Amino acid sequence: MTHLWVRAESRPNEDRVGITPDGVAALIGQGMRVTVEDSPRRIIPTDDYVKAGATIAPEGSWPTAPDDAIVFGLKELPEEGTPLRHRHVMFGHAFKGQPAGRVLLDRFRAGGGALYDLEYLTDDTGRRLAAFGYWAGYAGAAVSLMAWAAQQWGGICGPVAAYPDRHRLLDDLRARLDATGRPRPRAIVIGAKGRVGSGAADLLTAMGVNVTGWDMAETAHGGPFPEVLMHDVFINAILAHPGAPVFVPADAVAPGRALSVIGDVACDPTSDFSPIKVYDRSTTWDAPVLRVADAPVLDVMAIDNLPSMLPRESSEDYAAQLLPVLQGLDDLDAGAWDRAGALFRDHRDAR
């Protein structure tokens, strides 16, 4: 019997979950065993999982799970350095040259476990089968506009928090923009046809922002891209990958630009392939932007768990996409699971 162990997220400001109670009931109905860790922060109450038939375990107890359990979470594990003996399903951020990625892979090597990275669960054409992209773009564009509004007052964007739903977010953001007394900024979204880009464009449009939408056709020449610096706000919706163009080079901090806010929703600053070269670390909910230039001001927003600002919408959307994939956990040697496993082994063994 396949045993899925849904762990509680340990990261601050992470209220999302990758499976709903309805999804749990569906897996149990097809013969799986499902354990869900208790969590006071998860957007969906533990009692709802009890009603769906899940076994409940204490928060953070996954290290003691049976050897054959498949541990499922979203964000990274605690950085304890201990060997990992289980099979884990999560966003590992370990395959693009990230420094912490090698550490994670070595933990799996030491413990004999395996990583099935959610980012690389794809169909046979390479298309991701489930993604938080739309809500990442939506929330990322919102925080970027918050940063722009704060600049109009001579300040810097303060801490952000989760919203009960998108309507509360829209009301708050509209009030902030209106209070500046300024016309809406000009924005450009690169990757506008994808999930992330469409979410960003929808939020910007809802706020009355004029959006320039670029995708593969507009970036095919490989750069440079002076047009980016002519907009007030730039939203990057392109994942770092080999051969990715550089949209904002390191010298873009110099004067002579209109650009004052970069929302790097893709957020992979430690990757060698990052298309944004003016910053080197992610930002946080407590400090949402990194000021990389003062004359004129340039702030970078690079929060790497943006969808958790709208945890209910993003969890329900993602879980609906992922459930058909989870229903294939009975055979890890087939389809998307087999491809993800092979990719992990290739990176684990590369030295």
Protein backbone atom coordinates (compact mmCIF):
# COMPACT_ATOMS: atom_id res chain seq x y z
CA MET A 1 0.00 0.00 0.00
CA THR A 2 1.43 3.37 -1.03
CA HIS A 3 1.79 5.64 1.98
CA LEU A 4 1.75 9.42 1.43
CA TRP A 5 2.92 11.46 4.42
CA VAL A 6 1.92 15.13 4.15
CA ARG A 7 4.33 17.10 6.32
CA ALA A 8 3.65 20.43 8.00
CA GLU A 9 5.56 23.32 6.45
CA SER A 10 8.32 24.55 8.76
CA ARG A 11 9.10 27.78 6.98
CA PRO A 12 7.69 31.04 8.43
CA ASN A 13 4.83 32.62 6.46
CA GLU A 14 4.10 29.38 4.66
CA ASP A 15 0.43 28.46 5.04
CA ARG A 16 -0.08 26.57 1.79
CA VAL A 17 -0.62 22.86 1.28
CA GLY A 18 -0.36 20.72 -1.83
CA ILE A 19 -3.39 18.54 -1.27
CA THR A 20 -6.92 19.31 -0.09
CA PRO A 21 -9.15 17.06 2.04
CA ASP A 22 -11.04 16.10 -1.13
CA GLY A 23 -7.74 15.02 -2.64
CA VAL A 24 -6.91 12.98 0.43
CA ALA A 25 -10.29 11.24 0.22
CA ALA A 26 -9.66 10.46 -3.45
CA LEU A 27 -6.26 8.87 -2.73
CA ILE A 28 -7.67 6.84 0.16
CA GLY A 29 -10.51 5.76 -2.10
CA GLN A 30 -8.05 4.28 -4.59
CA GLY A 31 -6.29 2.32 -1.85
CA MET A 32 -3.53 4.62 -0.57
CA ARG A 33 -2.74 5.35 3.03
CA VAL A 34 -2.47 9.07 3.84
CA THR A 35 -0.95 10.61 6.96
CA VAL A 36 -1.24 14.38 7.49
CA GLU A 37 0.82 16.20 10.09
CA ASP A 38 -1.02 18.59 12.36
CA SER A 39 -0.34 22.25 11.65
CA PRO A 40 -1.84 25.31 13.33
CA ARG A 41 -0.77 27.50 10.39
CA ARG A 42 -1.99 25.51 7.41
CA ILE A 43 -4.79 27.37 5.61
CA ILE A 44 -6.96 24.22 5.68
CA PRO A 45 -7.71 23.03 9.24
CA THR A 46 -6.46 19.64 10.38
CA ASP A 47 -10.01 18.60 11.30
CA ASP A 48 -10.96 18.73 7.62
CA TYR A 49 -8.32 16.10 6.89
CA VAL A 50 -9.60 13.96 9.76
CA LYS A 51 -13.06 14.02 8.17
CA ALA A 52 -11.49 12.97 4.86
CA GLY A 53 -10.06 9.83 6.50
CA ALA A 54 -6.41 10.80 7.00
CA THR A 55 -4.31 9.61 9.91
CA ILE A 56 -3.01 12.61 11.86
CA ALA A 57 0.59 12.79 13.08
CA PRO A 58 2.35 15.42 15.22
CA GLU A 59 3.80 18.44 13.46
CA GLY A 60 7.36 17.83 12.24
CA SER A 61 7.29 14.08 12.89
CA TRP A 62 8.15 13.07 9.32
CA PRO A 63 11.74 11.98 10.20
CA THR A 64 10.19 9.11 12.16
CA ALA A 65 7.80 8.09 9.39
CA PRO A 66 8.02 4.48 8.16
CA ASP A 67 10.81 3.88 5.67
CA ASP A 68 8.38 3.29 2.82
CA ALA A 69 6.44 6.54 3.34
CA ILE A 70 6.64 9.17 0.61
CA VAL A 71 7.02 12.52 2.38
CA PHE A 72 5.18 15.34 0.61
CA GLY A 73 5.67 19.04 1.30
CA LEU A 74 6.12 22.25 -0.64
CA LYS A 75 9.04 24.31 0.58
CA GLU A 76 12.47 23.32 1.80
CA LEU A 77 13.28 21.06 4.73
CA PRO A 78 14.95 22.36 7.89
CA GLU A 79 18.67 22.75 7.17
CA GLU A 80 19.85 20.28 9.77
CA GLY A 81 22.38 18.46 7.62
CA THR A 82 21.02 15.06 8.61
CA PRO A 83 20.92 12.22 6.06
CA LEU A 84 17.57 11.83 4.28
CA ARG A 85 16.34 8.26 4.00
CA HIS A 86 12.82 8.84 2.70
CA ARG A 87 11.53 9.60 -0.75
CA HIS A 88 10.53 13.28 -0.72
CA VAL A 89 8.20 15.22 -2.99
CA MET A 90 8.85 18.98 -2.74
CA PHE A 91 10.41 21.98 -4.44
CA GLY A 92 14.08 21.17 -3.89
CA HIS A 93 15.80 24.07 -5.71
CA ALA A 94 18.78 21.79 -6.22
CA PHE A 95 19.30 21.36 -9.96
CA LYS A 96 20.41 24.81 -11.16
CA GLY A 97 23.73 25.21 -9.44
CA GLN A 98 22.34 26.67 -6.21
CA PRO A 99 24.88 26.34 -3.36
CA ALA A 100 22.27 24.93 -0.96
CA GLY A 101 21.22 22.46 -3.62
CA ARG A 102 24.45 20.49 -3.44
CA VAL A 103 24.07 20.23 0.32
CA LEU A 104 20.55 18.83 -0.09
CA LEU A 105 21.65 16.32 -2.72
CA ASP A 106 24.47 15.15 -0.46
CA ARG A 107 21.96 14.59 2.35
CA PHE A 108 20.00 12.30 0.04
CA ARG A 109 23.18 10.55 -1.01
CA ALA A 110 24.11 9.95 2.63
CA GLY A 111 20.69 8.66 3.64
CA GLY A 112 19.74 6.72 0.54
CA GLY A 113 16.56 8.70 -0.04
CA ALA A 114 15.31 10.36 -3.20
CA LEU A 115 13.90 13.69 -4.34
CA TYR A 116 10.98 13.98 -6.73
CA ASP A 117 11.07 17.69 -7.41
CA LEU A 118 7.67 19.27 -7.98
CA GLU A 119 9.18 21.70 -10.47
CA TYR A 120 10.20 18.79 -12.70
CA LEU A 121 7.02 16.72 -12.71
CA THR A 122 6.37 17.12 -16.42
CA ASP A 123 4.56 15.49 -19.28
CA ASP A 124 6.48 13.86 -22.12
CA THR A 125 6.86 17.24 -23.86
CA GLY A 126 8.51 18.82 -20.82
CA ARG A 127 5.48 20.86 -19.73
CA ARG A 128 4.96 21.11 -15.98
CA LEU A 129 1.90 19.25 -14.78
CA ALA A 130 1.20 21.50 -11.79
CA ALA A 131 2.42 24.96 -10.87
CA PHE A 132 1.73 27.82 -8.49
CA GLY A 133 2.73 30.21 -11.25
CA TYR A 134 -0.45 32.19 -11.70
CA TRP A 135 -0.75 33.18 -8.03
CA ALA A 136 2.99 33.78 -7.75
CA GLY A 137 2.72 36.29 -10.57
CA TYR A 138 -0.41 37.83 -9.10
CA ALA A 139 1.08 38.32 -5.63
CA GLY A 140 4.51 39.30 -7.00
CA ALA A 141 3.03 42.08 -9.09
CA ALA A 142 1.06 43.25 -6.05
CA VAL A 143 4.16 43.52 -3.84
CA SER A 144 6.03 45.25 -6.67
CA LEU A 145 3.32 47.90 -6.83
CA MET A 146 3.46 48.24 -3.05
CA ALA A 147 7.18 48.93 -3.44
CA TRP A 148 6.52 51.55 -6.12
CA ALA A 149 3.90 53.24 -3.93
CA ALA A 150 6.30 53.36 -0.98
CA GLN A 151 8.92 55.02 -3.19
CA GLN A 152 6.49 57.82 -4.06
CA TRP A 153 6.46 58.74 -0.37
CA GLY A 154 10.25 58.62 -0.19
CA GLY A 155 10.22 55.32 1.66
CA ILE A 156 10.80 51.63 1.14
CA CYS A 157 8.26 48.81 1.13
CA GLY A 158 7.46 47.58 4.62
CA PRO A 159 6.55 44.06 5.76
CA VAL A 160 3.85 42.15 3.91
CA ALA A 161 1.41 39.54 5.16
CA ALA A 162 -1.06 36.96 3.88
CA TYR A 163 -4.56 38.01 2.85
CA PRO A 164 -7.77 36.03 3.49
CA ASP A 165 -8.59 36.30 -0.22
CA ARG A 166 -7.64 38.23 -3.33
CA HIS A 167 -10.42 40.79 -2.87
CA ARG A 168 -8.84 42.03 0.36
CA LEU A 169 -5.50 42.27 -1.42
CA LEU A 170 -6.96 44.29 -4.28
CA ASP A 171 -8.73 46.70 -1.93
CA ASP A 172 -5.56 47.31 0.11
CA LEU A 173 -3.36 47.77 -2.94
CA ARG A 174 -5.78 50.14 -4.68
CA ALA A 175 -5.88 52.32 -1.59
CA ARG A 176 -2.08 52.48 -1.45
CA LEU A 177 -1.80 53.47 -5.09
CA ASP A 178 -4.56 56.06 -4.90
CA ALA A 179 -2.97 57.63 -1.81
CA THR A 180 0.19 58.50 -3.79
CA GLY A 181 -1.76 60.96 -5.94
CA ARG A 182 0.39 59.88 -8.90
CA PRO A 183 -0.59 58.33 -12.23
CA ARG A 184 -0.17 54.58 -12.30
CA PRO A 185 3.35 53.40 -13.22
CA ARG A 186 4.28 51.86 -16.57
CA ALA A 187 5.00 48.16 -16.30
CA ILE A 188 6.56 45.47 -18.48
CA VAL A 189 6.06 41.74 -17.94
CA ILE A 190 8.48 39.32 -19.60
CA GLY A 191 6.98 35.86 -19.92
CA ALA A 192 3.53 37.38 -20.28
CA LYS A 193 2.00 34.35 -22.01
CA GLY A 194 2.90 31.90 -19.24
CA ARG A 195 1.15 31.18 -15.96
CA VAL A 196 3.33 33.54 -13.92
CA GLY A 197 3.15 36.31 -16.47
CA SER A 198 -0.61 36.06 -16.92
CA GLY A 199 -1.13 36.30 -13.16
CA ALA A 200 1.09 39.38 -13.00
CA ALA A 201 -0.63 40.99 -15.97
CA ASP A 202 -4.07 40.33 -14.49
CA LEU A 203 -3.15 42.01 -11.20
CA LEU A 204 -1.54 44.99 -12.93
CA THR A 205 -4.51 45.44 -15.24
CA ALA A 206 -6.92 45.25 -12.30
CA MET A 207 -4.99 48.14 -10.75
CA GLY A 208 -5.26 50.27 -13.89
CA VAL A 209 -1.59 49.84 -14.86
CA ASN A 210 -0.64 49.98 -18.53
CA VAL A 211 1.14 46.68 -19.22
CA THR A 212 3.69 45.90 -21.94
CA GLY A 213 3.61 42.13 -22.38
CA TRP A 214 6.68 40.42 -23.81
CA ASP A 215 7.29 36.77 -24.46
CA MET A 216 9.58 34.62 -26.62
CA ALA A 217 9.19 36.65 -29.81
CA GLU A 218 10.28 39.89 -28.18
CA THR A 219 13.29 38.37 -26.41
CA ALA A 220 14.48 36.01 -29.16
CA HIS A 221 17.32 38.34 -30.23
CA GLY A 222 19.03 37.69 -26.89
CA GLY A 223 19.50 41.28 -25.75
CA PRO A 224 20.40 43.81 -24.66
CA PHE A 225 16.92 45.05 -23.69
CA PRO A 226 16.99 48.82 -23.11
CA GLU A 227 13.17 48.85 -23.26
CA VAL A 228 13.06 47.26 -19.80
CA LEU A 229 14.81 50.27 -18.31
CA MET A 230 12.24 52.59 -19.89
CA HIS A 231 9.43 51.21 -17.72
CA ASP A 232 8.86 52.03 -14.05
CA VAL A 233 8.18 48.43 -13.01
CA PHE A 234 9.55 45.22 -14.51
CA ILE A 235 8.08 41.81 -13.63
CA ASN A 236 10.29 38.84 -14.55
CA ALA A 237 8.27 35.68 -15.12
CA ILE A 238 11.02 33.66 -16.83
CA LEU A 239 12.67 30.85 -14.89
CA ALA A 240 16.45 30.74 -14.84
CA HIS A 241 17.72 28.18 -17.34
CA PRO A 242 20.81 27.61 -19.50
CA GLY A 243 20.85 30.14 -22.29
CA ALA A 244 18.39 32.51 -20.61
CA PRO A 245 18.90 36.10 -21.80
CA VAL A 246 20.00 38.75 -19.31
CA PHE A 247 17.14 41.22 -18.99
CA VAL A 248 18.75 43.48 -16.37
CA PRO A 249 22.58 43.54 -16.47
CA ALA A 250 24.70 44.52 -13.49
CA ASP A 251 25.31 48.01 -14.84
CA ALA A 252 21.58 48.80 -14.91
CA VAL A 253 21.92 50.38 -11.45
CA ALA A 254 23.45 53.44 -13.13
CA PRO A 255 21.44 56.65 -13.72
CA GLY A 256 19.57 57.20 -16.97
CA ARG A 257 16.68 54.80 -16.42
CA ALA A 258 13.03 55.03 -15.48
CA LEU A 259 13.05 51.58 -13.90
CA SER A 260 12.61 51.77 -10.13
CA VAL A 261 11.12 48.37 -9.18
CA ILE A 262 12.04 44.88 -10.33
CA GLY A 263 9.70 42.09 -9.33
CA ASP A 264 11.70 38.92 -9.90
CA VAL A 265 8.87 36.46 -9.43
CA ALA A 266 10.95 33.60 -10.83
CA CYS A 267 13.39 34.38 -8.02
CA ASP A 268 16.53 32.34 -8.57
CA PRO A 269 19.28 34.85 -7.71
CA THR A 270 21.93 32.28 -6.79
CA SER A 271 21.60 30.45 -10.11
CA ASP A 272 24.30 31.05 -12.71
CA PHE A 273 21.48 31.49 -15.22
CA SER A 274 19.53 34.24 -13.45
CA PRO A 275 18.39 36.90 -15.96
CA ILE A 276 18.54 39.63 -13.28
CA LYS A 277 22.14 40.56 -12.41
CA VAL A 278 21.70 43.45 -9.97
CA TYR A 279 21.06 41.38 -6.83
CA ASP A 280 22.26 38.15 -5.23
CA ARG A 281 19.78 37.04 -2.58
CA SER A 282 16.08 36.51 -2.02
CA THR A 283 14.00 38.97 -0.05
CA THR A 284 11.59 38.20 2.78
CA TRP A 285 8.13 39.01 4.04
CA ASP A 286 9.66 41.24 6.72
CA ALA A 287 11.91 43.02 4.22
CA PRO A 288 10.20 42.55 0.83
CA VAL A 289 12.66 44.54 -1.27
CA LEU A 290 16.39 44.94 -1.58
CA ARG A 291 17.53 48.45 -2.48
CA VAL A 292 20.29 48.07 -5.03
CA ALA A 293 20.62 51.73 -6.11
CA ASP A 294 19.82 55.13 -4.61
CA ALA A 295 20.26 57.64 -7.44
CA PRO A 296 17.73 57.01 -8.79
CA VAL A 297 16.19 54.41 -6.51
CA LEU A 298 15.98 50.80 -7.68
CA ASP A 299 14.36 48.15 -5.49
CA VAL A 300 14.23 44.40 -6.18
CA MET A 301 11.37 42.26 -4.90
CA ALA A 302 12.37 38.59 -4.82
CA ILE A 303 10.22 36.72 -2.30
CA ASP A 304 10.35 33.02 -3.10
CA ASN A 305 7.03 31.90 -1.62
CA LEU A 306 4.75 34.57 -3.03
CA PRO A 307 1.67 32.35 -3.52
CA SER A 308 1.40 32.00 0.26
CA MET A 309 0.20 35.61 0.35
CA LEU A 310 -3.03 34.13 -1.02
CA PRO A 311 -2.80 30.69 0.56
CA ARG A 312 -6.36 29.50 -0.01
CA GLU A 313 -6.64 30.36 -3.70
CA SER A 314 -3.14 29.12 -4.48
CA SER A 315 -3.49 25.87 -2.50
CA GLU A 316 -6.82 24.94 -4.02
CA ASP A 317 -5.64 25.74 -7.55
CA TYR A 318 -2.35 23.85 -7.21
CA ALA A 319 -3.87 20.85 -5.46
CA ALA A 320 -6.42 20.44 -8.25
CA GLN A 321 -3.62 20.40 -10.83
CA LEU A 322 -1.42 18.01 -8.84
CA LEU A 323 -4.00 15.44 -7.73
CA PRO A 324 -3.98 13.43 -11.00
CA VAL A 325 -0.20 13.20 -10.68
CA LEU A 326 -0.36 12.06 -7.05
CA GLN A 327 -2.82 9.39 -8.11
CA GLY A 328 0.06 7.85 -10.05
CA LEU A 329 2.29 7.42 -6.98
CA ASP A 330 1.66 3.68 -7.03
CA ASP A 331 4.20 3.44 -9.86
CA LEU A 332 7.25 5.67 -9.43
CA ASP A 333 8.88 3.99 -12.41
CA ALA A 334 6.44 5.40 -14.93
CA GLY A 335 5.63 8.75 -16.51
CA ALA A 336 6.33 11.98 -14.69
CA TRP A 337 7.59 10.24 -11.55
CA ASP A 338 10.12 8.21 -13.51
CA ARG A 339 11.39 11.32 -15.31
CA ALA A 340 11.72 13.25 -12.04
CA GLY A 341 13.53 10.36 -10.38
CA ALA A 342 16.02 10.04 -13.24
CA LEU A 343 16.74 13.77 -13.12
CA PHE A 344 17.41 13.56 -9.39
CA ARG A 345 19.82 10.67 -9.81
CA ASP A 346 21.72 12.50 -12.54
CA HIS A 347 22.25 15.54 -10.30
CA ARG A 348 22.92 13.52 -7.17
CA ASP A 349 25.72 11.65 -8.90
CA ALA A 350 27.26 14.67 -10.64
CA ARG A 351 30.35 15.90 -8.80
